[in-house]
Amino acid sequence: MRVRGFGELEAVVMDRVWAREGATTVREIFDELAEHRDIAYTTVMSTMDNLHRKGWLAREKAGKAFRYWPTLTREEHSANLMRDAFDGGGRTDVVLAHFVDRMSDEESASLRAALQRLSPVEDAG
């Protein structure tokens, strides 16, 4: 799985961090990853440190280790990627039309519901 803006391992780590509630440690992420792949603890530690330096993860000292948490939710990150696509994709109206045209019925219904929530309520009086 590749999440735009992240390297392959960074995307896997961010996916695991986003899936957790609250802060996590390198050990906890390492233990999850080691169940599915051959990986070194120091590789996970370096990756999480890199994500911290890039601003994707915040951290605080907890004993000898750090506890990490994401600085953005997965949804906020996705919204930023969508914003980037609009900014760099040519005419926004055409990009948006192509995007909407490729939506499933469920996604289209979700978009309509989100737009209704965000639209200002008209005064009836």
N, C-alpha and C. Protein backbone atom coordinates (compact mmCIF):
# COMPACT_ATOMS: atom_id res chain seq x y z
N MET A 1 0.85 -1.18 0.00
CA MET A 1 0.00 0.00 0.00
C MET A 1 0.88 1.23 0.00
N ARG A 2 0.59 2.14 -0.90
CA ARG A 2 1.38 3.36 -1.01
C ARG A 2 0.43 4.54 -0.80
N VAL A 3 0.75 5.39 0.14
CA VAL A 3 -0.01 6.61 0.38
C VAL A 3 0.82 7.76 -0.17
N ARG A 4 0.22 8.54 -1.06
CA ARG A 4 0.96 9.62 -1.70
C ARG A 4 1.58 10.55 -0.66
N GLY A 5 2.83 10.91 -0.89
CA GLY A 5 3.54 11.77 0.04
C GLY A 5 4.43 11.00 0.98
N PHE A 6 4.28 9.68 1.00
CA PHE A 6 5.08 8.83 1.87
C PHE A 6 5.83 7.81 1.04
N GLY A 7 6.99 7.37 1.56
CA GLY A 7 7.67 6.22 0.99
C GLY A 7 6.88 4.98 1.34
N GLU A 8 7.27 3.84 0.78
CA GLU A 8 6.51 2.61 0.99
C GLU A 8 6.40 2.24 2.47
N LEU A 9 7.53 2.20 3.19
CA LEU A 9 7.49 1.84 4.60
C LEU A 9 6.83 2.94 5.43
N GLU A 10 7.04 4.19 5.06
CA GLU A 10 6.38 5.29 5.77
C GLU A 10 4.86 5.14 5.67
N ALA A 11 4.37 4.76 4.49
CA ALA A 11 2.93 4.58 4.31
C ALA A 11 2.40 3.45 5.19
N VAL A 12 3.14 2.37 5.29
CA VAL A 12 2.72 1.24 6.13
C VAL A 12 2.69 1.66 7.59
N VAL A 13 3.74 2.37 8.03
CA VAL A 13 3.80 2.83 9.42
C VAL A 13 2.67 3.80 9.70
N MET A 14 2.44 4.76 8.81
CA MET A 14 1.36 5.73 9.03
C MET A 14 0.01 5.02 9.09
N ASP A 15 -0.19 4.03 8.25
CA ASP A 15 -1.44 3.27 8.28
C ASP A 15 -1.64 2.63 9.65
N ARG A 16 -0.59 2.06 10.21
CA ARG A 16 -0.66 1.44 11.55
C ARG A 16 -0.89 2.48 12.63
N VAL A 17 -0.22 3.62 12.55
CA VAL A 17 -0.39 4.67 13.55
C VAL A 17 -1.81 5.22 13.49
N TRP A 18 -2.32 5.47 12.27
CA TRP A 18 -3.69 5.98 12.12
C TRP A 18 -4.72 4.98 12.64
N ALA A 19 -4.43 3.70 12.55
CA ALA A 19 -5.39 2.68 12.98
C ALA A 19 -5.50 2.60 14.50
N ARG A 20 -4.55 3.18 15.21
CA ARG A 20 -4.55 3.12 16.68
C ARG A 20 -5.27 4.32 17.26
N GLU A 21 -5.79 4.13 18.45
CA GLU A 21 -6.37 5.25 19.20
C GLU A 21 -5.31 5.75 20.16
N GLY A 22 -4.98 7.02 20.09
CA GLY A 22 -3.98 7.58 20.98
C GLY A 22 -2.57 7.33 20.50
N ALA A 23 -1.62 7.57 21.39
CA ALA A 23 -0.20 7.47 21.06
C ALA A 23 0.25 6.01 21.03
N THR A 24 1.36 5.79 20.33
CA THR A 24 1.93 4.46 20.21
C THR A 24 3.45 4.54 20.29
N THR A 25 4.08 3.41 20.46
CA THR A 25 5.54 3.36 20.54
C THR A 25 6.10 2.64 19.32
N VAL A 26 7.40 2.81 19.13
CA VAL A 26 8.09 2.08 18.06
C VAL A 26 7.91 0.58 18.29
N ARG A 27 8.03 0.13 19.52
CA ARG A 27 7.91 -1.29 19.84
C ARG A 27 6.55 -1.84 19.40
N GLU A 28 5.49 -1.11 19.69
CA GLU A 28 4.14 -1.57 19.31
C GLU A 28 3.99 -1.68 17.80
N ILE A 29 4.48 -0.68 17.08
CA ILE A 29 4.40 -0.73 15.61
C ILE A 29 5.31 -1.84 15.08
N PHE A 30 6.51 -1.95 15.62
CA PHE A 30 7.43 -3.01 15.21
C PHE A 30 6.80 -4.39 15.40
N ASP A 31 6.21 -4.62 16.57
CA ASP A 31 5.60 -5.92 16.85
C ASP A 31 4.51 -6.26 15.82
N GLU A 32 3.69 -5.27 15.44
CA GLU A 32 2.66 -5.51 14.43
C GLU A 32 3.27 -5.82 13.08
N LEU A 33 4.26 -5.04 12.68
CA LEU A 33 4.87 -5.24 11.37
C LEU A 33 5.64 -6.56 11.30
N ALA A 34 6.31 -6.93 12.39
CA ALA A 34 7.13 -8.15 12.41
C ALA A 34 6.29 -9.41 12.25
N GLU A 35 4.99 -9.32 12.52
CA GLU A 35 4.11 -10.47 12.31
C GLU A 35 3.94 -10.79 10.83
N HIS A 36 4.16 -9.79 9.97
CA HIS A 36 3.87 -9.94 8.54
C HIS A 36 5.08 -9.80 7.63
N ARG A 37 6.20 -9.32 8.18
CA ARG A 37 7.37 -9.12 7.34
C ARG A 37 8.63 -9.21 8.17
N ASP A 38 9.73 -9.47 7.50
CA ASP A 38 11.03 -9.51 8.15
C ASP A 38 11.55 -8.07 8.19
N ILE A 39 11.59 -7.49 9.37
CA ILE A 39 11.98 -6.09 9.51
C ILE A 39 12.73 -5.91 10.83
N ALA A 40 13.68 -5.00 10.81
CA ALA A 40 14.47 -4.72 12.02
C ALA A 40 13.80 -3.62 12.84
N TYR A 41 13.93 -3.75 14.14
CA TYR A 41 13.41 -2.73 15.06
C TYR A 41 13.98 -1.36 14.71
N THR A 42 15.28 -1.31 14.42
CA THR A 42 15.92 -0.02 14.13
C THR A 42 15.38 0.61 12.84
N THR A 43 14.92 -0.21 11.91
CA THR A 43 14.32 0.31 10.67
C THR A 43 13.02 1.02 10.99
N VAL A 44 12.20 0.41 11.84
CA VAL A 44 10.94 1.03 12.25
C VAL A 44 11.22 2.31 13.04
N MET A 45 12.20 2.24 13.94
CA MET A 45 12.57 3.41 14.74
C MET A 45 13.02 4.57 13.84
N SER A 46 13.87 4.27 12.87
CA SER A 46 14.35 5.31 11.95
C SER A 46 13.21 5.89 11.12
N THR A 47 12.32 5.03 10.67
CA THR A 47 11.18 5.48 9.87
C THR A 47 10.28 6.40 10.67
N MET A 48 10.00 6.03 11.91
CA MET A 48 9.14 6.87 12.75
C MET A 48 9.84 8.18 13.11
N ASP A 49 11.15 8.14 13.30
CA ASP A 49 11.91 9.36 13.55
C ASP A 49 11.86 10.27 12.31
N ASN A 50 12.01 9.69 11.13
CA ASN A 50 11.91 10.47 9.89
C ASN A 50 10.52 11.10 9.75
N LEU A 51 9.48 10.34 10.04
CA LEU A 51 8.12 10.87 9.96
C LEU A 51 7.93 12.01 10.97
N HIS A 52 8.58 11.91 12.11
CA HIS A 52 8.54 12.99 13.10
C HIS A 52 9.25 14.23 12.55
N ARG A 53 10.44 14.06 12.00
CA ARG A 53 11.20 15.19 11.46
C ARG A 53 10.46 15.86 10.30
N LYS A 54 9.71 15.08 9.52
CA LYS A 54 8.94 15.62 8.40
C LYS A 54 7.63 16.27 8.85
N GLY A 55 7.29 16.13 10.13
CA GLY A 55 6.08 16.75 10.66
C GLY A 55 4.83 15.90 10.61
N TRP A 56 4.94 14.63 10.21
CA TRP A 56 3.77 13.75 10.13
C TRP A 56 3.41 13.15 11.48
N LEU A 57 4.42 12.98 12.34
CA LEU A 57 4.19 12.43 13.67
C LEU A 57 4.69 13.41 14.72
N ALA A 58 3.96 13.53 15.81
CA ALA A 58 4.42 14.26 17.00
C ALA A 58 4.87 13.20 18.00
N ARG A 59 5.68 13.62 18.97
CA ARG A 59 6.13 12.63 19.95
C ARG A 59 6.45 13.31 21.28
N GLU A 60 6.43 12.45 22.31
CA GLU A 60 6.84 12.90 23.64
C GLU A 60 7.62 11.76 24.28
N LYS A 61 8.54 12.14 25.14
CA LYS A 61 9.37 11.16 25.84
C LYS A 61 8.51 10.42 26.87
N ALA A 62 8.64 9.11 26.90
CA ALA A 62 7.95 8.26 27.88
C ALA A 62 8.97 7.26 28.40
N GLY A 63 9.64 7.62 29.48
CA GLY A 63 10.73 6.79 29.97
C GLY A 63 11.91 6.89 29.03
N LYS A 64 12.39 5.73 28.57
CA LYS A 64 13.52 5.73 27.63
C LYS A 64 13.06 5.81 26.18
N ALA A 65 11.79 5.66 25.96
CA ALA A 65 11.25 5.62 24.60
C ALA A 65 10.44 6.89 24.32
N PHE A 66 9.93 6.97 23.10
CA PHE A 66 9.01 8.03 22.71
C PHE A 66 7.64 7.42 22.44
N ARG A 67 6.61 8.21 22.66
CA ARG A 67 5.25 7.87 22.25
C ARG A 67 4.93 8.79 21.08
N TYR A 68 4.42 8.22 20.01
CA TYR A 68 4.14 8.96 18.77
C TYR A 68 2.65 9.00 18.49
N TRP A 69 2.20 10.07 17.83
CA TRP A 69 0.82 10.17 17.34
C TRP A 69 0.84 11.03 16.08
N PRO A 70 -0.14 10.82 15.21
CA PRO A 70 -0.17 11.57 13.94
C PRO A 70 -0.54 13.04 14.17
N THR A 71 0.04 13.91 13.36
CA THR A 71 -0.29 15.34 13.45
C THR A 71 -1.55 15.67 12.64
N LEU A 72 -1.92 14.80 11.72
CA LEU A 72 -3.15 14.93 10.94
C LEU A 72 -3.87 13.60 10.95
N THR A 73 -5.19 13.63 10.88
CA THR A 73 -5.93 12.38 10.70
C THR A 73 -5.72 11.89 9.27
N ARG A 74 -6.05 10.64 9.06
CA ARG A 74 -5.98 10.07 7.70
C ARG A 74 -6.86 10.90 6.75
N GLU A 75 -8.03 11.32 7.24
CA GLU A 75 -8.96 12.07 6.41
C GLU A 75 -8.42 13.47 6.09
N GLU A 76 -7.78 14.11 7.06
CA GLU A 76 -7.17 15.42 6.81
C GLU A 76 -6.04 15.29 5.78
N HIS A 77 -5.27 14.23 5.90
CA HIS A 77 -4.20 13.99 4.92
C HIS A 77 -4.79 13.78 3.53
N SER A 78 -5.85 12.99 3.44
CA SER A 78 -6.50 12.75 2.15
C SER A 78 -7.05 14.05 1.56
N ALA A 79 -7.64 14.88 2.41
CA ALA A 79 -8.16 16.17 1.94
C ALA A 79 -7.03 17.05 1.40
N ASN A 80 -5.87 17.01 2.06
CA ASN A 80 -4.72 17.78 1.57
C ASN A 80 -4.26 17.27 0.21
N LEU A 81 -4.27 15.95 0.03
CA LEU A 81 -3.90 15.38 -1.27
C LEU A 81 -4.88 15.81 -2.36
N MET A 82 -6.16 15.84 -2.00
CA MET A 82 -7.17 16.30 -2.96
C MET A 82 -6.94 17.77 -3.31
N ARG A 83 -6.61 18.58 -2.32
CA ARG A 83 -6.33 19.99 -2.55
C ARG A 83 -5.14 20.14 -3.49
N ASP A 84 -4.09 19.34 -3.26
CA ASP A 84 -2.91 19.36 -4.13
C ASP A 84 -3.28 18.99 -5.56
N ALA A 85 -4.16 18.00 -5.72
CA ALA A 85 -4.59 17.59 -7.06
C ALA A 85 -5.34 18.73 -7.76
N PHE A 86 -6.18 19.42 -7.03
CA PHE A 86 -6.88 20.56 -7.61
C PHE A 86 -5.91 21.66 -8.00
N ASP A 87 -4.94 21.93 -7.13
CA ASP A 87 -3.99 23.01 -7.38
C ASP A 87 -3.07 22.73 -8.57
N GLY A 88 -2.74 21.47 -8.79
CA GLY A 88 -1.79 21.15 -9.85
C GLY A 88 -2.39 20.43 -11.04
N GLY A 89 -3.69 20.29 -11.08
CA GLY A 89 -4.31 19.44 -12.09
C GLY A 89 -4.93 20.15 -13.28
N GLY A 90 -4.71 21.43 -13.42
CA GLY A 90 -5.34 22.15 -14.53
C GLY A 90 -6.60 22.84 -14.05
N ARG A 91 -7.58 22.93 -14.92
CA ARG A 91 -8.83 23.62 -14.58
C ARG A 91 -9.57 22.84 -13.50
N THR A 92 -9.80 23.48 -12.37
CA THR A 92 -10.42 22.81 -11.23
C THR A 92 -11.79 22.26 -11.57
N ASP A 93 -12.59 23.01 -12.35
CA ASP A 93 -13.93 22.54 -12.68
C ASP A 93 -13.88 21.25 -13.50
N VAL A 94 -12.90 21.13 -14.39
CA VAL A 94 -12.78 19.93 -15.22
C VAL A 94 -12.25 18.76 -14.38
N VAL A 95 -11.26 19.04 -13.52
CA VAL A 95 -10.74 18.00 -12.62
C VAL A 95 -11.86 17.48 -11.74
N LEU A 96 -12.64 18.39 -11.17
CA LEU A 96 -13.73 18.00 -10.29
C LEU A 96 -14.79 17.19 -11.05
N ALA A 97 -15.10 17.60 -12.26
CA ALA A 97 -16.09 16.86 -13.06
C ALA A 97 -15.61 15.43 -13.33
N HIS A 98 -14.34 15.27 -13.67
CA HIS A 98 -13.80 13.92 -13.89
C HIS A 98 -13.81 13.10 -12.60
N PHE A 99 -13.48 13.74 -11.50
CA PHE A 99 -13.47 13.06 -10.20
C PHE A 99 -14.88 12.57 -9.84
N VAL A 100 -15.86 13.44 -9.95
CA VAL A 100 -17.23 13.09 -9.61
C VAL A 100 -17.76 12.01 -10.54
N ASP A 101 -17.39 12.08 -11.82
CA ASP A 101 -17.84 11.09 -12.80
C ASP A 101 -17.36 9.68 -12.45
N ARG A 102 -16.25 9.58 -11.74
CA ARG A 102 -15.69 8.27 -11.40
C ARG A 102 -16.15 7.75 -10.04
N MET A 103 -17.01 8.50 -9.36
CA MET A 103 -17.50 8.10 -8.03
C MET A 103 -18.54 6.99 -8.14
N SER A 104 -18.56 6.15 -7.12
CA SER A 104 -19.62 5.15 -7.01
C SER A 104 -20.89 5.86 -6.53
N ASP A 105 -22.01 5.17 -6.59
CA ASP A 105 -23.26 5.76 -6.10
C ASP A 105 -23.15 6.10 -4.62
N GLU A 106 -22.50 5.24 -3.85
CA GLU A 106 -22.33 5.49 -2.42
C GLU A 106 -21.46 6.72 -2.17
N GLU A 107 -20.36 6.83 -2.91
CA GLU A 107 -19.49 8.00 -2.76
C GLU A 107 -20.21 9.28 -3.17
N SER A 108 -20.99 9.20 -4.22
CA SER A 108 -21.76 10.36 -4.68
C SER A 108 -22.77 10.80 -3.62
N ALA A 109 -23.43 9.85 -2.99
CA ALA A 109 -24.38 10.17 -1.92
C ALA A 109 -23.66 10.80 -0.73
N SER A 110 -22.48 10.29 -0.42
CA SER A 110 -21.69 10.88 0.68
C SER A 110 -21.28 12.30 0.36
N LEU A 111 -20.91 12.56 -0.89
CA LEU A 111 -20.54 13.91 -1.30
C LEU A 111 -21.74 14.86 -1.18
N ARG A 112 -22.89 14.41 -1.66
CA ARG A 112 -24.10 15.25 -1.55
C ARG A 112 -24.42 15.56 -0.08
N ALA A 113 -24.31 14.57 0.78
CA ALA A 113 -24.58 14.77 2.21
C ALA A 113 -23.57 15.75 2.82
N ALA A 114 -22.31 15.64 2.45
CA ALA A 114 -21.28 16.56 2.97
C ALA A 114 -21.54 17.98 2.50
N LEU A 115 -21.93 18.14 1.24
CA LEU A 115 -22.22 19.48 0.72
C LEU A 115 -23.43 20.09 1.41
N GLN A 116 -24.43 19.27 1.70
CA GLN A 116 -25.61 19.77 2.42
C GLN A 116 -25.24 20.21 3.82
N ARG A 117 -24.37 19.46 4.49
CA ARG A 117 -23.93 19.86 5.84
C ARG A 117 -23.15 21.15 5.83
N LEU A 118 -22.38 21.36 4.77
CA LEU A 118 -21.52 22.55 4.69
C LEU A 118 -22.23 23.79 4.14
N SER A 119 -23.36 23.57 3.45
CA SER A 119 -24.08 24.71 2.86
C SER A 119 -24.76 25.52 3.94
N PRO A 120 -24.68 26.87 3.85
CA PRO A 120 -25.39 27.68 4.84
C PRO A 120 -26.91 27.51 4.69
N VAL A 121 -27.59 27.49 5.82
CA VAL A 121 -29.04 27.35 5.82
C VAL A 121 -29.64 28.70 5.44
N GLU A 122 -30.55 28.69 4.47
CA GLU A 122 -31.21 29.91 4.02
C GLU A 122 -32.25 30.36 5.03
N ASP A 123 -32.35 31.64 5.25
CA ASP A 123 -33.39 32.20 6.14
C ASP A 123 -34.73 32.09 5.45
N ALA A 124 -35.72 31.56 6.14
CA ALA A 124 -37.06 31.39 5.56
C ALA A 124 -37.89 32.65 5.76
N GLY A 125 -37.40 33.64 6.45
CA GLY A 125 -38.25 34.76 6.78
C GLY A 125 -37.80 36.01 6.22
